[in-house]
């Protein structure tokens, strides 16, 4: 009987697929300190920015909804998107 892959293995696979599709830098979940590397899907951009500011060595953050992993925000992608002219507009 096969066991289901661990969350870490599923995340590695998900990130590998997205890396190939989006051309992002290679990043493994082992690079993410697990103590502060996840946020709720309801987190705002300010929450993500604050987490990156408070954790300078954090390369990315996992976005989850309760126990389901929804995605990964890399610091590089986040900062690239913030540098676009429309990103500075407040709502």
Foldseek 3Di string as FASTA:
>chain_A
DDDDDDPQVVQQVVVVVVCVVPVDDDDGCVQADPVQQEDEPPDDLVNVVVSCVVPVSGQWHFYAHVPHTDGIGGPVNSVVVCPDPVNPDDD
